[in-house]
Amino acid sequence: MRHPRDDVLALLERVTFLEAQAENLRSTTEQLHEADLRLDHRLEIIDTTTSNRSDELNGKINALGRRFEDTVARLTDNQEVITGIKAFLRLLKTDPA
């Protein structure tokens, strides 16, 4: 029994192969886990940046809306003045004083 049987040698070869495969899978799993953590961190940064930019844009849009409302309000006031001046001019045209 100095030399193992062929089936024992084949089994040892398969076990060695499977151990190597298991080590490769473990290494790959660790790499994927680390990549997943990095991606999660990047997504958190992107989420924060996007949220901040969204808040800034909402502030700008609200400010533009207020400016637009103010401008429209002034135009309405000016329109009333213009209407009054037109009425005054019509009055002057009809009055032959």
PDB file of N, CA and C in Angstrom:
ATOM      1  N   MET A   1       0.819  -1.188   0.000  1.00  0.00           N
ATOM      2  CA  MET A   1       0.000   0.000   0.000  1.00  0.00           C
ATOM      3  C   MET A   1       0.860   1.248   0.000  1.00  0.00           C
ATOM      4  N   ARG A   2       1.921   1.190  -0.652  1.00  0.00           N
ATOM      5  CA  ARG A   2       2.758   2.372  -0.737  1.00  0.00           C
ATOM      6  C   ARG A   2       2.209   3.378  -1.741  1.00  0.00           C
ATOM      7  N   HIS A   3       1.549   2.910  -2.747  1.00  0.00           N
ATOM      8  CA  HIS A   3       0.988   3.788  -3.773  1.00  0.00           C
ATOM      9  C   HIS A   3      -0.532   3.796  -3.641  1.00  0.00           C
ATOM     10  N   PRO A   4      -1.148   5.025  -3.549  1.00  0.00           N
ATOM     11  CA  PRO A   4      -2.616   5.065  -3.419  1.00  0.00           C
ATOM     12  C   PRO A   4      -3.294   4.608  -4.700  1.00  0.00           C
ATOM     13  N   ARG A   5      -4.473   4.139  -4.525  1.00  0.00           N
ATOM     14  CA  ARG A   5      -5.240   3.703  -5.685  1.00  0.00           C
ATOM     15  C   ARG A   5      -5.593   4.896  -6.556  1.00  0.00           C
ATOM     16  N   ASP A   6      -5.891   4.668  -7.807  1.00  0.00           N
ATOM     17  CA  ASP A   6      -6.200   5.727  -8.772  1.00  0.00           C
ATOM     18  C   ASP A   6      -7.450   6.512  -8.372  1.00  0.00           C
ATOM     19  N   ASP A   7      -8.451   5.847  -7.823  1.00  0.00           N
ATOM     20  CA  ASP A   7      -9.664   6.554  -7.431  1.00  0.00           C
ATOM     21  C   ASP A   7      -9.395   7.496  -6.256  1.00  0.00           C
ATOM     22  N   VAL A   8      -8.481   7.132  -5.375  1.00  0.00           N
ATOM     23  CA  VAL A   8      -8.124   8.015  -4.264  1.00  0.00           C
ATOM     24  C   VAL A   8      -7.357   9.217  -4.794  1.00  0.00           C
ATOM     25  N   LEU A   9      -6.465   8.987  -5.741  1.00  0.00           N
ATOM     26  CA  LEU A   9      -5.717  10.094  -6.348  1.00  0.00           C
ATOM     27  C   LEU A   9      -6.670  11.049  -7.079  1.00  0.00           C
ATOM     28  N   ALA A  10      -7.629  10.487  -7.792  1.00  0.00           N
ATOM     29  CA  ALA A  10      -8.610  11.319  -8.505  1.00  0.00           C
ATOM     30  C   ALA A  10      -9.436  12.127  -7.513  1.00  0.00           C
ATOM     31  N   LEU A  11      -9.817  11.504  -6.425  1.00  0.00           N
ATOM     32  CA  LEU A  11     -10.595  12.204  -5.402  1.00  0.00           C
ATOM     33  C   LEU A  11      -9.777  13.337  -4.780  1.00  0.00           C
ATOM     34  N   LEU A  12      -8.509  13.064  -4.467  1.00  0.00           N
ATOM     35  CA  LEU A  12      -7.645  14.122  -3.923  1.00  0.00           C
ATOM     36  C   LEU A  12      -7.480  15.271  -4.919  1.00  0.00           C
ATOM     37  N   GLU A  13      -7.375  14.941  -6.176  1.00  0.00           N
ATOM     38  CA  GLU A  13      -7.257  15.973  -7.212  1.00  0.00           C
ATOM     39  C   GLU A  13      -8.523  16.820  -7.288  1.00  0.00           C
ATOM     40  N   ARG A  14      -9.669  16.156  -7.211  1.00  0.00           N
ATOM     41  CA  ARG A  14     -10.945  16.885  -7.241  1.00  0.00           C
ATOM     42  C   ARG A  14     -11.102  17.771  -6.004  1.00  0.00           C
ATOM     43  N   VAL A  15     -10.718  17.261  -4.844  1.00  0.00           N
ATOM     44  CA  VAL A  15     -10.813  18.050  -3.612  1.00  0.00           C
ATOM     45  C   VAL A  15      -9.911  19.267  -3.705  1.00  0.00           C
ATOM     46  N   THR A  16      -8.686  19.090  -4.216  1.00  0.00           N
ATOM     47  CA  THR A  16      -7.763  20.210  -4.377  1.00  0.00           C
ATOM     48  C   THR A  16      -8.348  21.245  -5.347  1.00  0.00           C
ATOM     49  N   PHE A  17      -8.928  20.764  -6.446  1.00  0.00           N
ATOM     50  CA  PHE A  17      -9.556  21.667  -7.421  1.00  0.00           C
ATOM     51  C   PHE A  17     -10.715  22.430  -6.783  1.00  0.00           C
ATOM     52  N   LEU A  18     -11.559  21.717  -6.054  1.00  0.00           N
ATOM     53  CA  LEU A  18     -12.717  22.358  -5.421  1.00  0.00           C
ATOM     54  C   LEU A  18     -12.288  23.354  -4.344  1.00  0.00           C
ATOM     55  N   GLU A  19     -11.226  23.045  -3.609  1.00  0.00           N
ATOM     56  CA  GLU A  19     -10.713  24.002  -2.624  1.00  0.00           C
ATOM     57  C   GLU A  19     -10.232  25.275  -3.311  1.00  0.00           C
ATOM     58  N   ALA A  20      -9.556  25.131  -4.435  1.00  0.00           N
ATOM     59  CA  ALA A  20      -9.086  26.302  -5.189  1.00  0.00           C
ATOM     60  C   ALA A  20     -10.275  27.110  -5.706  1.00  0.00           C
ATOM     61  N   GLN A  21     -11.290  26.414  -6.198  1.00  0.00           N
ATOM     62  CA  GLN A  21     -12.495  27.104  -6.677  1.00  0.00           C
ATOM     63  C   GLN A  21     -13.182  27.845  -5.538  1.00  0.00           C
ATOM     64  N   ALA A  22     -13.278  27.205  -4.383  1.00  0.00           N
ATOM     65  CA  ALA A  22     -13.911  27.850  -3.229  1.00  0.00           C
ATOM     66  C   ALA A  22     -13.128  29.092  -2.824  1.00  0.00           C
ATOM     67  N   GLU A  23     -11.810  29.032  -2.854  1.00  0.00           N
ATOM     68  CA  GLU A  23     -10.989  30.207  -2.520  1.00  0.00           C
ATOM     69  C   GLU A  23     -11.194  31.318  -3.536  1.00  0.00           C
ATOM     70  N   ASN A  24     -11.277  30.955  -4.812  1.00  0.00           N
ATOM     71  CA  ASN A  24     -11.550  31.961  -5.847  1.00  0.00           C
ATOM     72  C   ASN A  24     -12.912  32.616  -5.631  1.00  0.00           C
ATOM     73  N   LEU A  25     -13.910  31.810  -5.300  1.00  0.00           N
ATOM     74  CA  LEU A  25     -15.248  32.353  -5.051  1.00  0.00           C
ATOM     75  C   LEU A  25     -15.250  33.268  -3.824  1.00  0.00           C
ATOM     76  N   ARG A  26     -14.541  32.886  -2.780  1.00  0.00           N
ATOM     77  CA  ARG A  26     -14.457  33.725  -1.587  1.00  0.00           C
ATOM     78  C   ARG A  26     -13.798  35.057  -1.923  1.00  0.00           C
ATOM     79  N   SER A  27     -12.710  35.002  -2.687  1.00  0.00           N
ATOM     80  CA  SER A  27     -12.004  36.220  -3.071  1.00  0.00           C
ATOM     81  C   SER A  27     -12.897  37.114  -3.930  1.00  0.00           C
ATOM     82  N   THR A  28     -13.594  36.512  -4.874  1.00  0.00           N
ATOM     83  CA  THR A  28     -14.501  37.274  -5.741  1.00  0.00           C
ATOM     84  C   THR A  28     -15.639  37.883  -4.932  1.00  0.00           C
ATOM     85  N   THR A  29     -16.162  37.136  -3.984  1.00  0.00           N
ATOM     86  CA  THR A  29     -17.241  37.637  -3.135  1.00  0.00           C
ATOM     87  C   THR A  29     -16.775  38.840  -2.318  1.00  0.00           C
ATOM     88  N   GLU A  30     -15.577  38.773  -1.780  1.00  0.00           N
ATOM     89  CA  GLU A  30     -15.036  39.906  -1.022  1.00  0.00           C
ATOM     90  C   GLU A  30     -14.877  41.129  -1.912  1.00  0.00           C
ATOM     91  N   GLN A  31     -14.369  40.918  -3.125  1.00  0.00           N
ATOM     92  CA  GLN A  31     -14.198  42.035  -4.053  1.00  0.00           C
ATOM     93  C   GLN A  31     -15.538  42.665  -4.411  1.00  0.00           C
ATOM     94  N   LEU A  32     -16.532  41.823  -4.660  1.00  0.00           N
ATOM     95  CA  LEU A  32     -17.868  42.335  -4.993  1.00  0.00           C
ATOM     96  C   LEU A  32     -18.478  43.082  -3.812  1.00  0.00           C
ATOM     97  N   HIS A  33     -18.254  42.577  -2.609  1.00  0.00           N
ATOM     98  CA  HIS A  33     -18.771  43.248  -1.418  1.00  0.00           C
ATOM     99  C   HIS A  33     -18.138  44.626  -1.262  1.00  0.00           C
ATOM    100  N   GLU A  34     -16.825  44.706  -1.460  1.00  0.00           N
ATOM    101  CA  GLU A  34     -16.134  46.000  -1.374  1.00  0.00           C
ATOM    102  C   GLU A  34     -16.627  46.957  -2.455  1.00  0.00           C
ATOM    103  N   ALA A  35     -16.824  46.444  -3.668  1.00  0.00           N
ATOM    104  CA  ALA A  35     -17.342  47.278  -4.756  1.00  0.00           C
ATOM    105  C   ALA A  35     -18.754  47.766  -4.428  1.00  0.00           C
ATOM    106  N   ASP A  36     -19.553  46.896  -3.835  1.00  0.00           N
ATOM    107  CA  ASP A  36     -20.913  47.269  -3.433  1.00  0.00           C
ATOM    108  C   ASP A  36     -20.891  48.393  -2.395  1.00  0.00           C
ATOM    109  N   LEU A  37     -19.987  48.292  -1.423  1.00  0.00           N
ATOM    110  CA  LEU A  37     -19.873  49.341  -0.409  1.00  0.00           C
ATOM    111  C   LEU A  37     -19.448  50.664  -1.032  1.00  0.00           C
ATOM    112  N   ARG A  38     -18.502  50.608  -1.976  1.00  0.00           N
ATOM    113  CA  ARG A  38     -18.064  51.835  -2.646  1.00  0.00           C
ATOM    114  C   ARG A  38     -19.216  52.463  -3.434  1.00  0.00           C
ATOM    115  N   LEU A  39     -19.986  51.626  -4.119  1.00  0.00           N
ATOM    116  CA  LEU A  39     -21.126  52.138  -4.883  1.00  0.00           C
ATOM    117  C   LEU A  39     -22.192  52.737  -3.971  1.00  0.00           C
ATOM    118  N   ASP A  40     -22.435  52.099  -2.841  1.00  0.00           N
ATOM    119  CA  ASP A  40     -23.386  52.654  -1.873  1.00  0.00           C
ATOM    120  C   ASP A  40     -22.934  54.028  -1.408  1.00  0.00           C
ATOM    121  N   HIS A  41     -21.647  54.161  -1.135  1.00  0.00           N
ATOM    122  CA  HIS A  41     -21.101  55.451  -0.690  1.00  0.00           C
ATOM    123  C   HIS A  41     -21.259  56.501  -1.790  1.00  0.00           C
ATOM    124  N   ARG A  42     -20.964  56.119  -3.022  1.00  0.00           N
ATOM    125  CA  ARG A  42     -21.126  57.054  -4.149  1.00  0.00           C
ATOM    126  C   ARG A  42     -22.579  57.472  -4.308  1.00  0.00           C
ATOM    127  N   LEU A  43     -23.497  56.517  -4.164  1.00  0.00           N
ATOM    128  CA  LEU A  43     -24.926  56.836  -4.284  1.00  0.00           C
ATOM    129  C   LEU A  43     -25.375  57.807  -3.192  1.00  0.00           C
ATOM    130  N   GLU A  44     -24.850  57.638  -1.990  1.00  0.00           N
ATOM    131  CA  GLU A  44     -25.181  58.563  -0.909  1.00  0.00           C
ATOM    132  C   GLU A  44     -24.692  59.967  -1.249  1.00  0.00           C
ATOM    133  N   ILE A  45     -23.482  60.070  -1.785  1.00  0.00           N
ATOM    134  CA  ILE A  45     -22.942  61.377  -2.171  1.00  0.00           C
ATOM    135  C   ILE A  45     -23.789  61.991  -3.282  1.00  0.00           C
ATOM    136  N   ILE A  46     -24.138  61.189  -4.280  1.00  0.00           N
ATOM    137  CA  ILE A  46     -24.963  61.687  -5.385  1.00  0.00           C
ATOM    138  C   ILE A  46     -26.329  62.123  -4.877  1.00  0.00           C
ATOM    139  N   ASP A  47     -26.916  61.348  -3.976  1.00  0.00           N
ATOM    140  CA  ASP A  47     -28.220  61.689  -3.413  1.00  0.00           C
ATOM    141  C   ASP A  47     -28.158  63.017  -2.673  1.00  0.00           C
ATOM    142  N   THR A  48     -27.114  63.206  -1.867  1.00  0.00           N
ATOM    143  CA  THR A  48     -26.958  64.455  -1.120  1.00  0.00           C
ATOM    144  C   THR A  48     -26.774  65.622  -2.066  1.00  0.00           C
ATOM    145  N   THR A  49     -25.913  65.451  -3.064  1.00  0.00           N
ATOM    146  CA  THR A  49     -25.658  66.516  -4.034  1.00  0.00           C
ATOM    147  C   THR A  49     -26.926  66.866  -4.802  1.00  0.00           C
ATOM    148  N   THR A  50     -27.642  65.849  -5.240  1.00  0.00           N
ATOM    149  CA  THR A  50     -28.878  66.070  -5.990  1.00  0.00           C
ATOM    150  C   THR A  50     -29.921  66.786  -5.129  1.00  0.00           C
ATOM    151  N   SER A  51     -30.026  66.379  -3.894  1.00  0.00           N
ATOM    152  CA  SER A  51     -30.982  67.007  -2.991  1.00  0.00           C
ATOM    153  C   SER A  51     -30.634  68.480  -2.773  1.00  0.00           C
ATOM    154  N   ASN A  52     -29.349  68.767  -2.565  1.00  0.00           N
ATOM    155  CA  ASN A  52     -28.926  70.158  -2.382  1.00  0.00           C
ATOM    156  C   ASN A  52     -29.208  70.990  -3.625  1.00  0.00           C
ATOM    157  N   ARG A  53     -28.888  70.438  -4.789  1.00  0.00           N
ATOM    158  CA  ARG A  53     -29.142  71.170  -6.038  1.00  0.00           C
ATOM    159  C   ARG A  53     -30.635  71.386  -6.254  1.00  0.00           C
ATOM    160  N   SER A  54     -31.427  70.385  -5.908  1.00  0.00           N
ATOM    161  CA  SER A  54     -32.872  70.514  -6.048  1.00  0.00           C
ATOM    162  C   SER A  54     -33.399  71.638  -5.146  1.00  0.00           C
ATOM    163  N   ASP A  55     -32.900  71.686  -3.913  1.00  0.00           N
ATOM    164  CA  ASP A  55     -33.317  72.747  -2.997  1.00  0.00           C
ATOM    165  C   ASP A  55     -32.920  74.117  -3.538  1.00  0.00           C
ATOM    166  N   GLU A  56     -31.702  74.227  -4.088  1.00  0.00           N
ATOM    167  CA  GLU A  56     -31.246  75.490  -4.660  1.00  0.00           C
ATOM    168  C   GLU A  56     -32.132  75.903  -5.830  1.00  0.00           C
ATOM    169  N   LEU A  57     -32.434  74.948  -6.717  1.00  0.00           N
ATOM    170  CA  LEU A  57     -33.275  75.258  -7.871  1.00  0.00           C
ATOM    171  C   LEU A  57     -34.683  75.657  -7.440  1.00  0.00           C
ATOM    172  N   ASN A  58     -35.228  74.971  -6.443  1.00  0.00           N
ATOM    173  CA  ASN A  58     -36.558  75.346  -5.957  1.00  0.00           C
ATOM    174  C   ASN A  58     -36.551  76.767  -5.402  1.00  0.00           C
ATOM    175  N   GLY A  59     -35.484  77.124  -4.690  1.00  0.00           N
ATOM    176  CA  GLY A  59     -35.366  78.489  -4.177  1.00  0.00           C
ATOM    177  C   GLY A  59     -35.308  79.506  -5.310  1.00  0.00           C
ATOM    178  N   LYS A  60     -34.526  79.194  -6.347  1.00  0.00           N
ATOM    179  CA  LYS A  60     -34.423  80.107  -7.492  1.00  0.00           C
ATOM    180  C   LYS A  60     -35.753  80.238  -8.224  1.00  0.00           C
ATOM    181  N   ILE A  61     -36.444  79.109  -8.388  1.00  0.00           N
ATOM    182  CA  ILE A  61     -37.740  79.142  -9.070  1.00  0.00           C
ATOM    183  C   ILE A  61     -38.747  79.958  -8.262  1.00  0.00           C
ATOM    184  N   ASN A  62     -38.747  79.777  -6.949  1.00  0.00           N
ATOM    185  CA  ASN A  62     -39.654  80.559  -6.106  1.00  0.00           C
ATOM    186  C   ASN A  62     -39.332  82.043  -6.175  1.00  0.00           C
ATOM    187  N   ALA A  63     -38.033  82.386  -6.195  1.00  0.00           N
ATOM    188  CA  ALA A  63     -37.638  83.793  -6.289  1.00  0.00           C
ATOM    189  C   ALA A  63     -38.074  84.373  -7.630  1.00  0.00           C
ATOM    190  N   LEU A  64     -37.900  83.610  -8.711  1.00  0.00           N
ATOM    191  CA  LEU A  64     -38.343  84.085 -10.025  1.00  0.00           C
ATOM    192  C   LEU A  64     -39.864  84.251 -10.058  1.00  0.00           C
ATOM    193  N   GLY A  65     -40.568  83.326  -9.412  1.00  0.00           N
ATOM    194  CA  GLY A  65     -42.028  83.444  -9.356  1.00  0.00           C
ATOM    195  C   GLY A  65     -42.458  84.710  -8.625  1.00  0.00           C
ATOM    196  N   ARG A  66     -41.782  85.024  -7.518  1.00  0.00           N
ATOM    197  CA  ARG A  66     -42.113  86.254  -6.789  1.00  0.00           C
ATOM    198  C   ARG A  66     -41.804  87.490  -7.625  1.00  0.00           C
ATOM    199  N   ARG A  67     -40.658  87.475  -8.315  1.00  0.00           N
ATOM    200  CA  ARG A  67     -40.310  88.618  -9.174  1.00  0.00           C
ATOM    201  C   ARG A  67     -41.342  88.781 -10.286  1.00  0.00           C
ATOM    202  N   PHE A  68     -41.786  87.656 -10.863  1.00  0.00           N
ATOM    203  CA  PHE A  68     -42.785  87.713 -11.923  1.00  0.00           C
ATOM    204  C   PHE A  68     -44.089  88.290 -11.390  1.00  0.00           C
ATOM    205  N   GLU A  69     -44.510  87.819 -10.217  1.00  0.00           N
ATOM    206  CA  GLU A  69     -45.747  88.340  -9.620  1.00  0.00           C
ATOM    207  C   GLU A  69     -45.624  89.832  -9.337  1.00  0.00           C
ATOM    208  N   ASP A  70     -44.473  90.271  -8.831  1.00  0.00           N
ATOM    209  CA  ASP A  70     -44.257  91.700  -8.574  1.00  0.00           C
ATOM    210  C   ASP A  70     -44.319  92.501  -9.872  1.00  0.00           C
ATOM    211  N   THR A  71     -43.687  91.968 -10.924  1.00  0.00           N
ATOM    212  CA  THR A  71     -43.689  92.660 -12.209  1.00  0.00           C
ATOM    213  C   THR A  71     -45.096  92.759 -12.771  1.00  0.00           C
ATOM    214  N   VAL A  72     -45.839  91.673 -12.684  1.00  0.00           N
ATOM    215  CA  VAL A  72     -47.222  91.682 -13.174  1.00  0.00           C
ATOM    216  C   VAL A  72     -48.055  92.660 -12.355  1.00  0.00           C
ATOM    217  N   ALA A  73     -47.826  92.701 -11.048  1.00  0.00           N
ATOM    218  CA  ALA A  73     -48.572  93.634 -10.201  1.00  0.00           C
ATOM    219  C   ALA A  73     -48.261  95.071 -10.606  1.00  0.00           C
ATOM    220  N   ARG A  74     -46.984  95.361 -10.889  1.00  0.00           N
ATOM    221  CA  ARG A  74     -46.625  96.713 -11.319  1.00  0.00           C
ATOM    222  C   ARG A  74     -47.228  97.029 -12.676  1.00  0.00           C
ATOM    223  N   LEU A  75     -47.244  96.047 -13.569  1.00  0.00           N
ATOM    224  CA  LEU A  75     -47.846  96.273 -14.877  1.00  0.00           C
ATOM    225  C   LEU A  75     -49.336  96.544 -14.729  1.00  0.00           C
ATOM    226  N   THR A  76     -49.978  95.861 -13.846  1.00  0.00           N
ATOM    227  CA  THR A  76     -51.393  96.098 -13.615  1.00  0.00           C
ATOM    228  C   THR A  76     -51.598  97.507 -13.087  1.00  0.00           C
ATOM    229  N   ASP A  77     -50.766  97.929 -12.146  1.00  0.00           N
ATOM    230  CA  ASP A  77     -50.851  99.294 -11.633  1.00  0.00           C
ATOM    231  C   ASP A  77     -50.589 100.280 -12.752  1.00  0.00           C
ATOM    232  N   ASN A  78     -49.583 100.026 -13.566  1.00  0.00           N
ATOM    233  CA  ASN A  78     -49.266 100.909 -14.685  1.00  0.00           C
ATOM    234  C   ASN A  78     -50.410 100.926 -15.696  1.00  0.00           C
ATOM    235  N   GLN A  79     -51.037  99.792 -15.900  1.00  0.00           N
ATOM    236  CA  GLN A  79     -52.154  99.726 -16.842  1.00  0.00           C
ATOM    237  C   GLN A  79     -53.303 100.601 -16.363  1.00  0.00           C
ATOM    238  N   GLU A  80     -53.539 100.605 -15.064  1.00  0.00           N
ATOM    239  CA  GLU A  80     -54.585 101.468 -14.531  1.00  0.00           C
ATOM    240  C   GLU A  80     -54.226 102.932 -14.739  1.00  0.00           C
ATOM    241  N   VAL A  81     -52.957 103.273 -14.565  1.00  0.00           N
ATOM    242  CA  VAL A  81     -52.513 104.652 -14.799  1.00  0.00           C
ATOM    243  C   VAL A  81     -52.668 105.005 -16.267  1.00  0.00           C
ATOM    244  N   ILE A  82     -52.261 104.085 -17.152  1.00  0.00           N
ATOM    245  CA  ILE A  82     -52.377 104.331 -18.592  1.00  0.00           C
ATOM    246  C   ILE A  82     -53.841 104.493 -18.988  1.00  0.00           C
ATOM    247  N   THR A  83     -54.715 103.658 -18.455  1.00  0.00           N
ATOM    248  CA  THR A  83     -56.144 103.767 -18.740  1.00  0.00           C
ATOM    249  C   THR A  83     -56.667 105.116 -18.259  1.00  0.00           C
ATOM    250  N   GLY A  84     -56.212 105.531 -17.085  1.00  0.00           N
ATOM    251  CA  GLY A  84     -56.628 106.841 -16.561  1.00  0.00           C
ATOM    252  C   GLY A  84     -56.148 107.976 -17.441  1.00  0.00           C
ATOM    253  N   ILE A  85     -54.911 107.900 -17.904  1.00  0.00           N
ATOM    254  CA  ILE A  85     -54.370 108.951 -18.787  1.00  0.00           C
ATOM    255  C   ILE A  85     -55.140 108.979 -20.096  1.00  0.00           C
ATOM    256  N   LYS A  86     -55.448 107.809 -20.664  1.00  0.00           N
ATOM    257  CA  LYS A  86     -56.220 107.754 -21.903  1.00  0.00           C
ATOM    258  C   LYS A  86     -57.594 108.392 -21.695  1.00  0.00           C
ATOM    259  N   ALA A  87     -58.211 108.088 -20.581  1.00  0.00           N
ATOM    260  CA  ALA A  87     -59.527 108.684 -20.293  1.00  0.00           C
ATOM    261  C   ALA A  87     -59.385 110.190 -20.157  1.00  0.00           C
ATOM    262  N   PHE A  88     -58.317 110.633 -19.509  1.00  0.00           N
ATOM    263  CA  PHE A  88     -58.091 112.074 -19.355  1.00  0.00           C
ATOM    264  C   PHE A  88     -57.879 112.727 -20.727  1.00  0.00           C
ATOM    265  N   LEU A  89     -57.100 112.038 -21.607  1.00  0.00           N
ATOM    266  CA  LEU A  89     -56.862 112.587 -22.951  1.00  0.00           C
ATOM    267  C   LEU A  89     -58.158 112.616 -23.760  1.00  0.00           C
ATOM    268  N   ARG A  90     -58.990 111.603 -23.636  1.00  0.00           N
ATOM    269  CA  ARG A  90     -60.288 111.615 -24.323  1.00  0.00           C
ATOM    270  C   ARG A  90     -61.134 112.765 -23.833  1.00  0.00           C
ATOM    271  N   LEU A  91     -61.046 112.989 -22.529  1.00  0.00           N
ATOM    272  CA  LEU A  91     -61.803 114.094 -21.963  1.00  0.00           C
ATOM    273  C   LEU A  91     -61.326 115.425 -22.527  1.00  0.00           C
ATOM    274  N   LEU A  92     -60.001 115.550 -22.659  1.00  0.00           N
ATOM    275  CA  LEU A  92     -59.441 116.794 -23.211  1.00  0.00           C
ATOM    276  C   LEU A  92     -59.837 116.968 -24.667  1.00  0.00           C
ATOM    277  N   LYS A  93     -59.864 115.880 -25.430  1.00  0.00           N
ATOM    278  CA  LYS A  93     -60.236 115.958 -26.847  1.00  0.00           C
ATOM    279  C   LYS A  93     -61.702 116.330 -27.005  1.00  0.00           C
ATOM    280  N   THR A  94     -62.543 115.866 -26.141  1.00  0.00           N
ATOM    281  CA  THR A  94     -63.980 116.151 -26.258  1.00  0.00           C
ATOM    282  C   THR A  94     -64.333 117.513 -25.676  1.00  0.00           C
ATOM    283  N   ASP A  95     -63.485 118.072 -24.817  1.00  0.00           N
ATOM    284  CA  ASP A  95     -63.772 119.367 -24.180  1.00  0.00           C
ATOM    285  C   ASP A  95     -63.085 120.454 -25.023  1.00  0.00           C
ATOM    286  N   PRO A  96     -63.881 121.278 -25.764  1.00  0.00           N
ATOM    287  CA  PRO A  96     -63.289 122.305 -26.629  1.00  0.00           C
ATOM    288  C   PRO A  96     -62.926 123.577 -25.875  1.00  0.00           C
ATOM    289  N   ALA A  97     -62.683 123.542 -24.635  1.00  0.00           N
ATOM    290  CA  ALA A  97     -62.435 124.705 -23.816  1.00  0.00           C
ATOM    291  C   ALA A  97     -61.557 125.604 -24.519  1.00  0.00           C
TER     292      ALA A  97
END
